Amino acid sequence: MQTEQIITLVHTALEDMKAKDVVELDVEGKSSVTDVMIIASGTSRRHVMSIADEVIEKSKHNGMQPLGSEGQDVGDWVLVDLGAVVVHVMMPDARSFYDLERLWRFDADTAQGK
């Protein structure tokens, strides 16, 4: 699957599961791990886990096996690794605490000399 197809698949899964505050970050050239990070929030731990499960199921249904996932046992923050796209589904408190959006924007600005 091409990166744009994966992104579309992820956004569809997030929309289907009513994920909140979805943000897409282009980290190509800034991260050696992935090209795009998609961050979303759930309203409860169960919601976070269900959103991540939907991303995984839609990926498999479309012939793409996720490289891995972490955090389903706790549910505060579930990461789904789709290679070129990494999906973070988080509870609002965890999202606020780790503030990945600020971290990656700061890192990108620093790398560009801003």
N, C-alpha and C. Protein backbone atom coordinates (compact mmCIF):
# COMPACT_ATOMS: atom_id res chain seq x y z
N MET A 1 0.85 -1.19 0.00
CA MET A 1 0.00 0.00 0.00
C MET A 1 0.88 1.24 0.00
N GLN A 2 0.46 2.23 -0.74
CA GLN A 2 1.15 3.51 -0.75
C GLN A 2 0.81 4.29 0.52
N THR A 3 1.68 5.20 0.89
CA THR A 3 1.49 5.98 2.12
C THR A 3 0.14 6.70 2.13
N GLU A 4 -0.22 7.32 1.02
CA GLU A 4 -1.50 8.06 0.96
C GLU A 4 -2.69 7.13 1.18
N GLN A 5 -2.61 5.91 0.69
CA GLN A 5 -3.69 4.94 0.89
C GLN A 5 -3.78 4.54 2.37
N ILE A 6 -2.63 4.39 3.00
CA ILE A 6 -2.62 4.05 4.44
C ILE A 6 -3.23 5.19 5.24
N ILE A 7 -2.85 6.42 4.91
CA ILE A 7 -3.39 7.59 5.61
C ILE A 7 -4.91 7.64 5.47
N THR A 8 -5.41 7.42 4.26
CA THR A 8 -6.85 7.43 4.03
C THR A 8 -7.53 6.33 4.84
N LEU A 9 -6.95 5.14 4.84
CA LEU A 9 -7.49 4.02 5.60
C LEU A 9 -7.57 4.37 7.09
N VAL A 10 -6.50 4.96 7.62
CA VAL A 10 -6.47 5.32 9.04
C VAL A 10 -7.53 6.37 9.35
N HIS A 11 -7.61 7.41 8.53
CA HIS A 11 -8.61 8.46 8.77
C HIS A 11 -10.03 7.88 8.73
N THR A 12 -10.27 6.94 7.81
CA THR A 12 -11.59 6.31 7.73
C THR A 12 -11.89 5.54 9.01
N ALA A 13 -10.92 4.77 9.50
CA ALA A 13 -11.11 4.01 10.74
C ALA A 13 -11.36 4.95 11.91
N LEU A 14 -10.60 6.03 11.99
CA LEU A 14 -10.76 6.98 13.10
C LEU A 14 -12.13 7.65 13.03
N GLU A 15 -12.55 8.01 11.83
CA GLU A 15 -13.86 8.63 11.67
C GLU A 15 -14.98 7.65 12.02
N ASP A 16 -14.85 6.41 11.55
CA ASP A 16 -15.86 5.39 11.84
C ASP A 16 -16.04 5.18 13.34
N MET A 17 -14.94 5.28 14.09
CA MET A 17 -14.99 5.05 15.53
C MET A 17 -15.16 6.34 16.35
N LYS A 18 -15.38 7.43 15.64
CA LYS A 18 -15.63 8.72 16.28
C LYS A 18 -14.48 9.18 17.18
N ALA A 19 -13.25 9.00 16.68
CA ALA A 19 -12.07 9.49 17.40
C ALA A 19 -12.13 11.02 17.46
N LYS A 20 -11.54 11.57 18.48
CA LYS A 20 -11.57 13.02 18.71
C LYS A 20 -10.22 13.65 18.37
N ASP A 21 -10.26 14.91 17.97
CA ASP A 21 -9.06 15.75 17.82
C ASP A 21 -7.95 15.07 17.01
N VAL A 22 -8.29 14.64 15.81
CA VAL A 22 -7.33 13.94 14.95
C VAL A 22 -6.34 14.95 14.35
N VAL A 23 -5.06 14.64 14.48
CA VAL A 23 -3.99 15.49 13.94
C VAL A 23 -3.05 14.60 13.14
N GLU A 24 -2.66 15.08 11.97
CA GLU A 24 -1.70 14.37 11.12
C GLU A 24 -0.42 15.19 11.05
N LEU A 25 0.71 14.56 11.39
CA LEU A 25 2.00 15.24 11.38
C LEU A 25 2.91 14.61 10.34
N ASP A 26 3.45 15.42 9.45
CA ASP A 26 4.42 14.96 8.46
C ASP A 26 5.79 15.01 9.12
N VAL A 27 6.38 13.84 9.36
CA VAL A 27 7.69 13.77 10.00
C VAL A 27 8.73 13.15 9.06
N GLU A 28 8.39 13.11 7.78
CA GLU A 28 9.32 12.56 6.79
C GLU A 28 10.62 13.36 6.82
N GLY A 29 11.73 12.67 6.91
CA GLY A 29 13.03 13.32 6.98
C GLY A 29 13.40 13.80 8.37
N LYS A 30 12.45 13.76 9.30
CA LYS A 30 12.70 14.19 10.68
C LYS A 30 12.75 13.00 11.62
N SER A 31 12.22 11.87 11.15
CA SER A 31 12.18 10.65 11.94
C SER A 31 12.70 9.50 11.10
N SER A 32 13.52 8.67 11.69
CA SER A 32 14.00 7.50 10.97
C SER A 32 13.03 6.33 11.11
N VAL A 33 11.95 6.53 11.87
CA VAL A 33 11.01 5.46 12.15
C VAL A 33 9.81 5.47 11.21
N THR A 34 9.32 6.64 10.85
CA THR A 34 8.10 6.75 10.06
C THR A 34 8.09 8.05 9.27
N ASP A 35 7.12 8.18 8.36
CA ASP A 35 6.96 9.40 7.58
C ASP A 35 5.81 10.27 8.10
N VAL A 36 4.79 9.61 8.64
CA VAL A 36 3.60 10.33 9.09
C VAL A 36 3.16 9.78 10.44
N MET A 37 2.82 10.68 11.35
CA MET A 37 2.21 10.31 12.62
C MET A 37 0.79 10.85 12.62
N ILE A 38 -0.13 10.00 12.99
CA ILE A 38 -1.52 10.43 13.15
C ILE A 38 -1.86 10.23 14.62
N ILE A 39 -2.33 11.30 15.24
CA ILE A 39 -2.63 11.29 16.67
C ILE A 39 -4.13 11.55 16.84
N ALA A 40 -4.77 10.77 17.70
CA ALA A 40 -6.20 10.94 17.95
C ALA A 40 -6.47 10.65 19.42
N SER A 41 -7.60 11.14 19.89
CA SER A 41 -8.01 10.90 21.28
C SER A 41 -9.27 10.06 21.32
N GLY A 42 -9.39 9.31 22.41
CA GLY A 42 -10.62 8.58 22.71
C GLY A 42 -11.23 9.16 23.97
N THR A 43 -12.47 8.79 24.22
CA THR A 43 -13.19 9.35 25.37
C THR A 43 -13.09 8.49 26.63
N SER A 44 -12.60 7.25 26.46
CA SER A 44 -12.40 6.33 27.58
C SER A 44 -11.32 5.33 27.16
N ARG A 45 -10.82 4.58 28.12
CA ARG A 45 -9.80 3.57 27.78
C ARG A 45 -10.36 2.57 26.79
N ARG A 46 -11.59 2.15 27.01
CA ARG A 46 -12.24 1.20 26.09
C ARG A 46 -12.35 1.80 24.70
N HIS A 47 -12.70 3.08 24.62
CA HIS A 47 -12.81 3.76 23.33
C HIS A 47 -11.46 3.80 22.64
N VAL A 48 -10.39 4.13 23.38
CA VAL A 48 -9.03 4.16 22.83
C VAL A 48 -8.69 2.80 22.24
N MET A 49 -8.94 1.73 23.00
CA MET A 49 -8.62 0.39 22.53
C MET A 49 -9.46 0.00 21.32
N SER A 50 -10.73 0.40 21.31
CA SER A 50 -11.61 0.08 20.18
C SER A 50 -11.18 0.81 18.91
N ILE A 51 -10.76 2.05 19.06
CA ILE A 51 -10.27 2.82 17.91
C ILE A 51 -9.04 2.12 17.33
N ALA A 52 -8.08 1.78 18.18
CA ALA A 52 -6.86 1.11 17.71
C ALA A 52 -7.20 -0.23 17.07
N ASP A 53 -8.12 -0.98 17.66
CA ASP A 53 -8.54 -2.26 17.08
C ASP A 53 -9.12 -2.07 15.68
N GLU A 54 -9.88 -1.01 15.50
CA GLU A 54 -10.48 -0.73 14.19
C GLU A 54 -9.41 -0.41 13.16
N VAL A 55 -8.39 0.36 13.55
CA VAL A 55 -7.28 0.65 12.65
C VAL A 55 -6.59 -0.65 12.23
N ILE A 56 -6.36 -1.52 13.19
CA ILE A 56 -5.70 -2.80 12.92
C ILE A 56 -6.57 -3.66 12.00
N GLU A 57 -7.86 -3.76 12.30
CA GLU A 57 -8.76 -4.60 11.51
C GLU A 57 -8.90 -4.08 10.08
N LYS A 58 -9.05 -2.76 9.92
CA LYS A 58 -9.15 -2.20 8.57
C LYS A 58 -7.86 -2.44 7.79
N SER A 59 -6.74 -2.35 8.46
CA SER A 59 -5.45 -2.61 7.80
C SER A 59 -5.39 -4.04 7.30
N LYS A 60 -5.71 -4.98 8.17
CA LYS A 60 -5.69 -6.39 7.80
C LYS A 60 -6.67 -6.68 6.68
N HIS A 61 -7.86 -6.10 6.78
CA HIS A 61 -8.90 -6.31 5.76
C HIS A 61 -8.43 -5.82 4.38
N ASN A 62 -7.56 -4.82 4.39
CA ASN A 62 -7.04 -4.27 3.14
C ASN A 62 -5.68 -4.87 2.77
N GLY A 63 -5.35 -6.00 3.37
CA GLY A 63 -4.15 -6.74 3.00
C GLY A 63 -2.85 -6.22 3.58
N MET A 64 -2.95 -5.42 4.62
CA MET A 64 -1.74 -4.86 5.23
C MET A 64 -1.64 -5.30 6.68
N GLN A 65 -0.64 -6.07 6.98
CA GLN A 65 -0.41 -6.52 8.35
C GLN A 65 0.36 -5.44 9.11
N PRO A 66 -0.19 -4.91 10.20
CA PRO A 66 0.56 -3.93 10.99
C PRO A 66 1.89 -4.52 11.46
N LEU A 67 2.92 -3.68 11.52
CA LEU A 67 4.23 -4.13 11.99
C LEU A 67 4.21 -4.42 13.48
N GLY A 68 3.31 -3.77 14.19
CA GLY A 68 3.19 -3.99 15.62
C GLY A 68 2.21 -3.03 16.25
N SER A 69 1.88 -3.31 17.48
CA SER A 69 1.03 -2.40 18.25
C SER A 69 1.40 -2.58 19.72
N GLU A 70 1.21 -1.51 20.47
CA GLU A 70 1.56 -1.53 21.89
C GLU A 70 0.54 -0.74 22.67
N GLY A 71 0.31 -1.13 23.91
CA GLY A 71 -0.51 -0.37 24.82
C GLY A 71 -1.93 -0.86 25.00
N GLN A 72 -2.34 -1.91 24.28
CA GLN A 72 -3.71 -2.39 24.42
C GLN A 72 -4.01 -2.90 25.83
N ASP A 73 -3.00 -3.33 26.55
CA ASP A 73 -3.22 -3.85 27.90
C ASP A 73 -3.58 -2.76 28.90
N VAL A 74 -3.19 -1.52 28.62
CA VAL A 74 -3.47 -0.42 29.55
C VAL A 74 -4.59 0.48 29.02
N GLY A 75 -4.46 0.92 27.78
CA GLY A 75 -5.50 1.71 27.16
C GLY A 75 -5.37 3.21 27.27
N ASP A 76 -4.34 3.72 27.95
CA ASP A 76 -4.13 5.17 27.99
C ASP A 76 -3.55 5.68 26.68
N TRP A 77 -2.71 4.84 26.06
CA TRP A 77 -2.02 5.23 24.84
C TRP A 77 -1.75 3.95 24.05
N VAL A 78 -2.39 3.83 22.90
CA VAL A 78 -2.16 2.68 22.03
C VAL A 78 -1.48 3.17 20.77
N LEU A 79 -0.39 2.52 20.42
CA LEU A 79 0.36 2.85 19.22
C LEU A 79 0.18 1.71 18.23
N VAL A 80 -0.13 2.06 16.97
CA VAL A 80 -0.24 1.08 15.90
C VAL A 80 0.77 1.48 14.83
N ASP A 81 1.72 0.57 14.56
CA ASP A 81 2.80 0.83 13.60
C ASP A 81 2.43 0.23 12.26
N LEU A 82 2.19 1.10 11.29
CA LEU A 82 1.86 0.67 9.93
C LEU A 82 3.02 0.99 8.97
N GLY A 83 4.21 1.09 9.52
CA GLY A 83 5.39 1.37 8.70
C GLY A 83 5.52 2.85 8.40
N ALA A 84 5.09 3.27 7.24
CA ALA A 84 5.19 4.67 6.84
C ALA A 84 4.27 5.57 7.67
N VAL A 85 3.31 4.97 8.35
CA VAL A 85 2.36 5.71 9.18
C VAL A 85 2.31 5.06 10.56
N VAL A 86 2.48 5.88 11.60
CA VAL A 86 2.32 5.41 12.98
C VAL A 86 1.13 6.14 13.58
N VAL A 87 0.23 5.37 14.17
CA VAL A 87 -0.99 5.93 14.74
C VAL A 87 -0.89 5.88 16.26
N HIS A 88 -1.13 7.03 16.89
CA HIS A 88 -1.17 7.13 18.35
C HIS A 88 -2.61 7.44 18.75
N VAL A 89 -3.23 6.57 19.52
CA VAL A 89 -4.57 6.82 20.04
C VAL A 89 -4.42 6.95 21.55
N MET A 90 -4.83 8.10 22.08
CA MET A 90 -4.52 8.42 23.47
C MET A 90 -5.73 8.95 24.23
N MET A 91 -5.69 8.74 25.53
CA MET A 91 -6.62 9.42 26.41
C MET A 91 -6.20 10.89 26.47
N PRO A 92 -7.13 11.82 26.64
CA PRO A 92 -6.77 13.24 26.65
C PRO A 92 -5.68 13.60 27.67
N ASP A 93 -5.70 13.01 28.87
CA ASP A 93 -4.68 13.32 29.87
C ASP A 93 -3.29 12.90 29.40
N ALA A 94 -3.18 11.71 28.84
CA ALA A 94 -1.89 11.22 28.34
C ALA A 94 -1.44 12.08 27.15
N ARG A 95 -2.37 12.43 26.31
CA ARG A 95 -2.03 13.25 25.14
C ARG A 95 -1.52 14.62 25.56
N SER A 96 -2.16 15.21 26.54
CA SER A 96 -1.73 16.50 27.05
C SER A 96 -0.36 16.40 27.72
N PHE A 97 -0.14 15.34 28.49
CA PHE A 97 1.12 15.17 29.21
C PHE A 97 2.29 14.99 28.25
N TYR A 98 2.14 14.10 27.27
CA TYR A 98 3.25 13.81 26.35
C TYR A 98 3.37 14.83 25.23
N ASP A 99 2.27 15.48 24.87
CA ASP A 99 2.24 16.59 23.91
C ASP A 99 3.10 16.31 22.66
N LEU A 100 2.79 15.21 21.99
CA LEU A 100 3.56 14.82 20.80
C LEU A 100 3.51 15.88 19.70
N GLU A 101 2.38 16.56 19.57
CA GLU A 101 2.27 17.59 18.54
C GLU A 101 3.32 18.68 18.75
N ARG A 102 3.44 19.17 19.98
CA ARG A 102 4.41 20.21 20.27
C ARG A 102 5.83 19.68 20.10
N LEU A 103 6.07 18.48 20.60
CA LEU A 103 7.39 17.88 20.51
C LEU A 103 7.84 17.77 19.06
N TRP A 104 7.00 17.25 18.20
CA TRP A 104 7.40 17.06 16.80
C TRP A 104 7.43 18.37 16.03
N ARG A 105 6.56 19.32 16.35
CA ARG A 105 6.64 20.63 15.69
C ARG A 105 7.89 21.36 16.13
N PHE A 106 8.23 21.28 17.42
CA PHE A 106 9.44 21.90 17.94
C PHE A 106 10.65 21.28 17.27
N ASP A 107 10.68 19.96 17.19
CA ASP A 107 11.79 19.26 16.57
C ASP A 107 11.92 19.66 15.10
N ALA A 108 10.80 19.78 14.41
CA ALA A 108 10.84 20.16 13.00
C ALA A 108 11.32 21.59 12.84
N ASP A 109 10.85 22.50 13.71
CA ASP A 109 11.30 23.89 13.64
C ASP A 109 12.78 24.00 13.96
N THR A 110 13.24 23.24 14.95
CA THR A 110 14.66 23.27 15.32
C THR A 110 15.52 22.76 14.17
N ALA A 111 15.07 21.69 13.54
CA ALA A 111 15.83 21.12 12.42
C ALA A 111 15.91 22.09 11.24
N GLN A 112 14.90 22.97 11.12
CA GLN A 112 14.87 23.93 10.03
C GLN A 112 15.47 25.27 10.44
N GLY A 113 16.01 25.36 11.64
CA GLY A 113 16.66 26.59 12.10
C GLY A 113 15.71 27.68 12.52
N LYS A 114 14.49 27.34 12.88
CA LYS A 114 13.50 28.36 13.30
C LYS A 114 13.60 28.62 14.77
